[in-house]
Amino acid sequence: MGFTHFDGQGNAWMVDVGGKADTDREAVAKGSIAMSRECLRMVVEGGMKKGDVLGVARIAGIMGAKRTSELIPLCHILNLTKLEIAFEVHEERAEIGGGWGGEETGGGGVGMEGGAGGRGAVLTV
């Protein structure tokens, strides 16, 4: 099997998923970000000047997933049916971990959206 995003002459193109049957698809992504213990304390206690860091990061992750086709060349626009983002604080490592889960029904996949959404959330922290 060759690379699906290149034609016979090696030119990049968007894969035709029009003939594929709609199926339920899901993906998950995880990431983490380390910080100083003081910064972690301020995030957890809500003491950051910019407000609710994890709440804003959750929205950024959702927005990143929804706009993946604008960020990743040749990525199809998907009808995402579900998005979830959760955070875990790891005080012993001064780290916040994030998990993203998404679903869609269609002929494409949802993996790129998982990566874009998860990274958007973690980077926002």
N, C-alpha and C. Protein backbone atom coordinates (compact mmCIF):
# COMPACT_ATOMS: atom_id res chain seq x y z
N MET A 1 0.85 -1.19 0.00
CA MET A 1 0.00 0.00 0.00
C MET A 1 0.89 1.24 0.00
N GLY A 2 0.59 2.18 -0.86
CA GLY A 2 1.37 3.41 -0.96
C GLY A 2 0.83 4.49 -0.03
N PHE A 3 1.44 5.65 -0.14
CA PHE A 3 0.96 6.79 0.63
C PHE A 3 -0.34 7.29 0.01
N THR A 4 -1.36 7.45 0.82
CA THR A 4 -2.68 7.81 0.30
C THR A 4 -2.82 9.29 -0.02
N HIS A 5 -1.94 10.14 0.46
CA HIS A 5 -2.07 11.57 0.23
C HIS A 5 -1.22 12.06 -0.94
N PHE A 6 -0.78 11.13 -1.80
CA PHE A 6 -0.02 11.48 -2.99
C PHE A 6 -0.61 10.76 -4.19
N ASP A 7 -0.69 11.46 -5.32
CA ASP A 7 -1.17 10.80 -6.54
C ASP A 7 -0.01 10.05 -7.20
N GLY A 8 -0.25 9.50 -8.37
CA GLY A 8 0.75 8.71 -9.07
C GLY A 8 2.00 9.48 -9.46
N GLN A 9 1.89 10.79 -9.55
CA GLN A 9 3.03 11.63 -9.89
C GLN A 9 3.73 12.23 -8.66
N GLY A 10 3.27 11.87 -7.48
CA GLY A 10 3.88 12.37 -6.25
C GLY A 10 3.33 13.69 -5.76
N ASN A 11 2.24 14.16 -6.37
CA ASN A 11 1.63 15.42 -5.95
C ASN A 11 0.72 15.18 -4.74
N ALA A 12 0.79 16.08 -3.77
CA ALA A 12 -0.09 15.98 -2.61
C ALA A 12 -1.54 16.23 -3.03
N TRP A 13 -2.45 15.46 -2.45
CA TRP A 13 -3.87 15.64 -2.72
C TRP A 13 -4.67 15.17 -1.52
N MET A 14 -5.89 15.61 -1.44
CA MET A 14 -6.77 15.21 -0.35
C MET A 14 -7.45 13.90 -0.72
N VAL A 15 -7.34 12.91 0.14
CA VAL A 15 -7.88 11.58 -0.11
C VAL A 15 -9.40 11.67 -0.27
N ASP A 16 -9.93 10.94 -1.23
CA ASP A 16 -11.38 10.88 -1.46
C ASP A 16 -11.99 9.86 -0.51
N VAL A 17 -12.76 10.34 0.46
CA VAL A 17 -13.45 9.44 1.39
C VAL A 17 -14.95 9.37 1.07
N GLY A 18 -15.33 9.95 -0.07
CA GLY A 18 -16.74 10.01 -0.43
C GLY A 18 -17.40 8.66 -0.58
N GLY A 19 -16.67 7.66 -1.00
CA GLY A 19 -17.25 6.33 -1.20
C GLY A 19 -17.21 5.45 0.02
N LYS A 20 -16.61 5.93 1.09
CA LYS A 20 -16.52 5.12 2.30
C LYS A 20 -17.83 5.15 3.08
N ALA A 21 -18.18 4.02 3.65
CA ALA A 21 -19.39 3.95 4.48
C ALA A 21 -19.16 4.71 5.77
N ASP A 22 -20.21 5.34 6.26
CA ASP A 22 -20.12 6.02 7.55
C ASP A 22 -19.97 4.99 8.66
N THR A 23 -19.00 5.21 9.51
CA THR A 23 -18.79 4.35 10.68
C THR A 23 -18.54 5.24 11.89
N ASP A 24 -18.79 4.69 13.06
CA ASP A 24 -18.51 5.41 14.30
C ASP A 24 -17.02 5.28 14.58
N ARG A 25 -16.38 6.41 14.86
CA ARG A 25 -14.95 6.42 15.12
C ARG A 25 -14.67 7.21 16.39
N GLU A 26 -13.64 6.80 17.09
CA GLU A 26 -13.25 7.53 18.29
C GLU A 26 -11.74 7.52 18.42
N ALA A 27 -11.23 8.49 19.16
CA ALA A 27 -9.79 8.60 19.39
C ALA A 27 -9.56 9.23 20.75
N VAL A 28 -8.41 8.95 21.30
CA VAL A 28 -8.00 9.57 22.55
C VAL A 28 -6.58 10.10 22.38
N ALA A 29 -6.26 11.11 23.13
CA ALA A 29 -4.91 11.67 23.13
C ALA A 29 -4.59 12.09 24.56
N LYS A 30 -3.33 12.00 24.90
CA LYS A 30 -2.89 12.40 26.24
C LYS A 30 -1.63 13.23 26.13
N GLY A 31 -1.45 14.10 27.08
CA GLY A 31 -0.24 14.91 27.13
C GLY A 31 -0.09 15.48 28.52
N SER A 32 1.04 16.10 28.74
CA SER A 32 1.26 16.72 30.05
C SER A 32 2.20 17.91 29.90
N ILE A 33 2.18 18.75 30.91
CA ILE A 33 3.08 19.90 30.94
C ILE A 33 3.61 20.06 32.36
N ALA A 34 4.91 20.24 32.45
CA ALA A 34 5.56 20.42 33.75
C ALA A 34 5.75 21.91 34.00
N MET A 35 5.77 22.27 35.27
CA MET A 35 5.92 23.68 35.65
C MET A 35 6.52 23.75 37.04
N SER A 36 6.81 24.93 37.48
CA SER A 36 7.33 25.10 38.84
C SER A 36 6.22 24.74 39.83
N ARG A 37 6.63 24.38 41.02
CA ARG A 37 5.64 24.03 42.05
C ARG A 37 4.78 25.25 42.41
N GLU A 38 5.37 26.43 42.38
CA GLU A 38 4.62 27.66 42.66
C GLU A 38 3.55 27.90 41.59
N CYS A 39 3.92 27.72 40.36
CA CYS A 39 2.96 27.89 39.27
C CYS A 39 1.83 26.86 39.38
N LEU A 40 2.18 25.62 39.66
CA LEU A 40 1.16 24.58 39.81
C LEU A 40 0.20 24.94 40.94
N ARG A 41 0.74 25.40 42.05
CA ARG A 41 -0.10 25.80 43.18
C ARG A 41 -1.08 26.90 42.77
N MET A 42 -0.59 27.89 42.03
CA MET A 42 -1.45 29.00 41.61
C MET A 42 -2.54 28.52 40.64
N VAL A 43 -2.19 27.60 39.74
CA VAL A 43 -3.20 27.07 38.82
C VAL A 43 -4.28 26.33 39.60
N VAL A 44 -3.86 25.46 40.50
CA VAL A 44 -4.80 24.64 41.27
C VAL A 44 -5.69 25.49 42.17
N GLU A 45 -5.10 26.50 42.79
CA GLU A 45 -5.85 27.34 43.72
C GLU A 45 -6.61 28.47 43.03
N GLY A 46 -6.44 28.62 41.73
CA GLY A 46 -7.14 29.68 41.02
C GLY A 46 -6.52 31.05 41.21
N GLY A 47 -5.24 31.12 41.49
CA GLY A 47 -4.59 32.38 41.77
C GLY A 47 -3.91 33.04 40.58
N MET A 48 -4.11 32.55 39.39
CA MET A 48 -3.47 33.15 38.23
C MET A 48 -4.22 34.41 37.82
N LYS A 49 -3.49 35.43 37.41
CA LYS A 49 -4.10 36.70 37.03
C LYS A 49 -5.05 36.57 35.85
N LYS A 50 -4.79 35.58 35.00
CA LYS A 50 -5.63 35.41 33.80
C LYS A 50 -6.87 34.56 34.06
N GLY A 51 -7.09 34.15 35.31
CA GLY A 51 -8.32 33.45 35.64
C GLY A 51 -8.18 31.94 35.69
N ASP A 52 -9.26 31.24 35.34
CA ASP A 52 -9.38 29.79 35.42
C ASP A 52 -8.57 29.13 34.31
N VAL A 53 -7.33 28.79 34.61
CA VAL A 53 -6.42 28.25 33.59
C VAL A 53 -6.97 26.97 32.97
N LEU A 54 -7.41 26.03 33.78
CA LEU A 54 -7.87 24.75 33.24
C LEU A 54 -9.19 24.89 32.48
N GLY A 55 -10.05 25.79 32.91
CA GLY A 55 -11.29 26.03 32.17
C GLY A 55 -11.01 26.61 30.79
N VAL A 56 -10.10 27.56 30.73
CA VAL A 56 -9.72 28.16 29.44
C VAL A 56 -9.02 27.12 28.57
N ALA A 57 -8.16 26.30 29.18
CA ALA A 57 -7.46 25.26 28.43
C ALA A 57 -8.43 24.24 27.85
N ARG A 58 -9.47 23.92 28.60
CA ARG A 58 -10.49 22.98 28.11
C ARG A 58 -11.17 23.55 26.85
N ILE A 59 -11.53 24.81 26.89
CA ILE A 59 -12.15 25.46 25.73
C ILE A 59 -11.18 25.49 24.56
N ALA A 60 -9.90 25.78 24.83
CA ALA A 60 -8.89 25.80 23.76
C ALA A 60 -8.77 24.44 23.11
N GLY A 61 -8.82 23.39 23.90
CA GLY A 61 -8.74 22.04 23.35
C GLY A 61 -9.92 21.70 22.47
N ILE A 62 -11.09 22.11 22.89
CA ILE A 62 -12.30 21.88 22.08
C ILE A 62 -12.20 22.66 20.77
N MET A 63 -11.79 23.92 20.88
CA MET A 63 -11.66 24.74 19.67
C MET A 63 -10.59 24.16 18.73
N GLY A 64 -9.48 23.69 19.28
CA GLY A 64 -8.42 23.11 18.47
C GLY A 64 -8.91 21.88 17.71
N ALA A 65 -9.67 21.04 18.39
CA ALA A 65 -10.20 19.84 17.74
C ALA A 65 -11.17 20.23 16.62
N LYS A 66 -12.04 21.19 16.87
CA LYS A 66 -13.04 21.60 15.88
C LYS A 66 -12.41 22.25 14.66
N ARG A 67 -11.22 22.85 14.81
CA ARG A 67 -10.60 23.59 13.71
C ARG A 67 -9.38 22.88 13.13
N THR A 68 -9.27 21.60 13.39
CA THR A 68 -8.09 20.84 12.94
C THR A 68 -7.88 20.94 11.44
N SER A 69 -8.93 20.91 10.67
CA SER A 69 -8.78 20.96 9.21
C SER A 69 -8.18 22.28 8.73
N GLU A 70 -8.22 23.31 9.57
CA GLU A 70 -7.58 24.58 9.22
C GLU A 70 -6.10 24.60 9.60
N LEU A 71 -5.69 23.68 10.47
CA LEU A 71 -4.32 23.63 10.95
C LEU A 71 -3.47 22.60 10.20
N ILE A 72 -4.07 21.48 9.84
CA ILE A 72 -3.35 20.36 9.25
C ILE A 72 -3.69 20.27 7.76
N PRO A 73 -2.71 20.44 6.90
CA PRO A 73 -2.98 20.35 5.45
C PRO A 73 -3.59 19.00 5.08
N LEU A 74 -4.55 19.04 4.18
CA LEU A 74 -5.22 17.86 3.61
C LEU A 74 -6.10 17.10 4.59
N CYS A 75 -6.37 17.69 5.75
CA CYS A 75 -7.22 17.06 6.75
C CYS A 75 -8.69 17.38 6.43
N HIS A 76 -9.53 16.36 6.47
CA HIS A 76 -10.95 16.57 6.18
C HIS A 76 -11.66 17.29 7.32
N ILE A 77 -12.69 18.03 6.98
CA ILE A 77 -13.56 18.65 7.98
C ILE A 77 -14.47 17.55 8.51
N LEU A 78 -14.52 17.40 9.82
CA LEU A 78 -15.33 16.33 10.41
C LEU A 78 -16.52 16.87 11.18
N ASN A 79 -17.52 16.03 11.27
CA ASN A 79 -18.68 16.33 12.10
C ASN A 79 -18.46 15.64 13.45
N LEU A 80 -17.70 16.31 14.32
CA LEU A 80 -17.42 15.74 15.63
C LEU A 80 -18.71 15.67 16.44
N THR A 81 -18.98 14.52 17.02
CA THR A 81 -20.21 14.33 17.77
C THR A 81 -20.00 14.38 19.27
N LYS A 82 -18.74 14.27 19.72
CA LYS A 82 -18.47 14.30 21.14
C LYS A 82 -17.02 14.70 21.37
N LEU A 83 -16.79 15.54 22.35
CA LEU A 83 -15.45 15.95 22.77
C LEU A 83 -15.42 16.03 24.28
N GLU A 84 -14.40 15.43 24.87
CA GLU A 84 -14.22 15.53 26.32
C GLU A 84 -12.76 15.83 26.61
N ILE A 85 -12.51 16.71 27.55
CA ILE A 85 -11.15 17.01 27.98
C ILE A 85 -11.13 17.01 29.49
N ALA A 86 -10.17 16.28 30.05
CA ALA A 86 -10.04 16.21 31.51
C ALA A 86 -8.59 16.44 31.88
N PHE A 87 -8.38 16.98 33.06
CA PHE A 87 -7.03 17.25 33.55
C PHE A 87 -6.79 16.51 34.86
N GLU A 88 -5.54 16.12 35.07
CA GLU A 88 -5.11 15.52 36.33
C GLU A 88 -3.89 16.28 36.83
N VAL A 89 -3.92 16.66 38.08
CA VAL A 89 -2.80 17.35 38.69
C VAL A 89 -1.91 16.31 39.35
N HIS A 90 -0.63 16.36 39.02
CA HIS A 90 0.37 15.46 39.61
C HIS A 90 1.32 16.32 40.44
N GLU A 91 0.95 16.56 41.68
CA GLU A 91 1.74 17.45 42.53
C GLU A 91 3.16 16.95 42.74
N GLU A 92 3.34 15.63 42.87
CA GLU A 92 4.68 15.09 43.13
C GLU A 92 5.65 15.38 42.00
N ARG A 93 5.13 15.57 40.77
CA ARG A 93 5.98 15.87 39.61
C ARG A 93 5.84 17.32 39.16
N ALA A 94 5.00 18.09 39.85
CA ALA A 94 4.70 19.47 39.44
C ALA A 94 4.28 19.49 37.98
N GLU A 95 3.25 18.73 37.69
CA GLU A 95 2.83 18.50 36.31
C GLU A 95 1.30 18.43 36.23
N ILE A 96 0.77 18.87 35.11
CA ILE A 96 -0.66 18.71 34.82
C ILE A 96 -0.76 17.85 33.57
N GLY A 97 -1.50 16.78 33.69
CA GLY A 97 -1.74 15.90 32.55
C GLY A 97 -3.12 16.17 31.98
N GLY A 98 -3.24 16.02 30.69
CA GLY A 98 -4.53 16.24 30.03
C GLY A 98 -4.88 15.05 29.16
N GLY A 99 -6.14 14.73 29.15
CA GLY A 99 -6.64 13.66 28.30
C GLY A 99 -7.79 14.18 27.44
N TRP A 100 -7.82 13.77 26.18
CA TRP A 100 -8.83 14.21 25.23
C TRP A 100 -9.50 12.99 24.65
N GLY A 101 -10.79 13.03 24.50
CA GLY A 101 -11.53 11.96 23.83
C GLY A 101 -12.53 12.57 22.87
N GLY A 102 -12.59 12.02 21.68
CA GLY A 102 -13.52 12.55 20.68
C GLY A 102 -14.14 11.45 19.86
N GLU A 103 -15.31 11.75 19.32
CA GLU A 103 -16.02 10.79 18.47
C GLU A 103 -16.61 11.51 17.27
N GLU A 104 -16.78 10.75 16.20
CA GLU A 104 -17.46 11.24 15.01
C GLU A 104 -18.02 10.06 14.25
N THR A 105 -18.99 10.33 13.42
CA THR A 105 -19.54 9.33 12.53
C THR A 105 -19.34 9.82 11.11
N GLY A 106 -18.64 9.04 10.31
CA GLY A 106 -18.36 9.46 8.94
C GLY A 106 -17.37 8.54 8.28
N GLY A 107 -16.77 9.04 7.21
CA GLY A 107 -15.84 8.24 6.43
C GLY A 107 -14.39 8.56 6.70
N GLY A 108 -14.13 9.48 7.61
CA GLY A 108 -12.75 9.84 7.94
C GLY A 108 -12.38 9.28 9.29
N GLY A 109 -11.29 9.76 9.82
CA GLY A 109 -10.86 9.37 11.16
C GLY A 109 -10.91 10.57 12.07
N VAL A 110 -10.66 10.36 13.33
CA VAL A 110 -10.73 11.45 14.29
C VAL A 110 -9.40 11.62 15.05
N GLY A 111 -8.38 10.91 14.62
CA GLY A 111 -7.09 10.94 15.30
C GLY A 111 -6.39 12.28 15.25
N MET A 112 -6.43 12.95 14.11
CA MET A 112 -5.78 14.27 14.01
C MET A 112 -6.45 15.27 14.94
N GLU A 113 -7.75 15.17 15.08
CA GLU A 113 -8.49 16.07 15.97
C GLU A 113 -8.09 15.80 17.42
N GLY A 114 -7.85 14.55 17.76
CA GLY A 114 -7.38 14.21 19.10
C GLY A 114 -6.06 14.87 19.40
N GLY A 115 -5.14 14.78 18.46
CA GLY A 115 -3.83 15.40 18.64
C GLY A 115 -3.91 16.91 18.74
N ALA A 116 -4.66 17.52 17.84
CA ALA A 116 -4.75 18.98 17.83
C ALA A 116 -5.47 19.50 19.07
N GLY A 117 -6.56 18.84 19.45
CA GLY A 117 -7.30 19.26 20.62
C GLY A 117 -6.52 19.06 21.91
N GLY A 118 -5.91 17.90 22.04
CA GLY A 118 -5.13 17.61 23.24
C GLY A 118 -3.96 18.55 23.39
N ARG A 119 -3.25 18.80 22.30
CA ARG A 119 -2.10 19.69 22.37
C ARG A 119 -2.53 21.13 22.62
N GLY A 120 -3.63 21.53 22.01
CA GLY A 120 -4.13 22.89 22.26
C GLY A 120 -4.46 23.11 23.72
N ALA A 121 -5.05 22.10 24.34
CA ALA A 121 -5.39 22.21 25.76
C ALA A 121 -4.14 22.29 26.63
N VAL A 122 -3.20 21.39 26.40
CA VAL A 122 -1.99 21.36 27.22
C VAL A 122 -1.14 22.61 27.00
N LEU A 123 -1.02 23.05 25.76
CA LEU A 123 -0.23 24.26 25.49
C LEU A 123 -0.86 25.50 26.13
N THR A 124 -2.17 25.53 26.23
CA THR A 124 -2.83 26.67 26.84
C THR A 124 -2.51 26.77 28.33
N VAL A 125 -2.37 25.61 28.97
CA VAL A 125 -1.97 25.62 30.38
C VAL A 125 -0.63 26.32 30.50
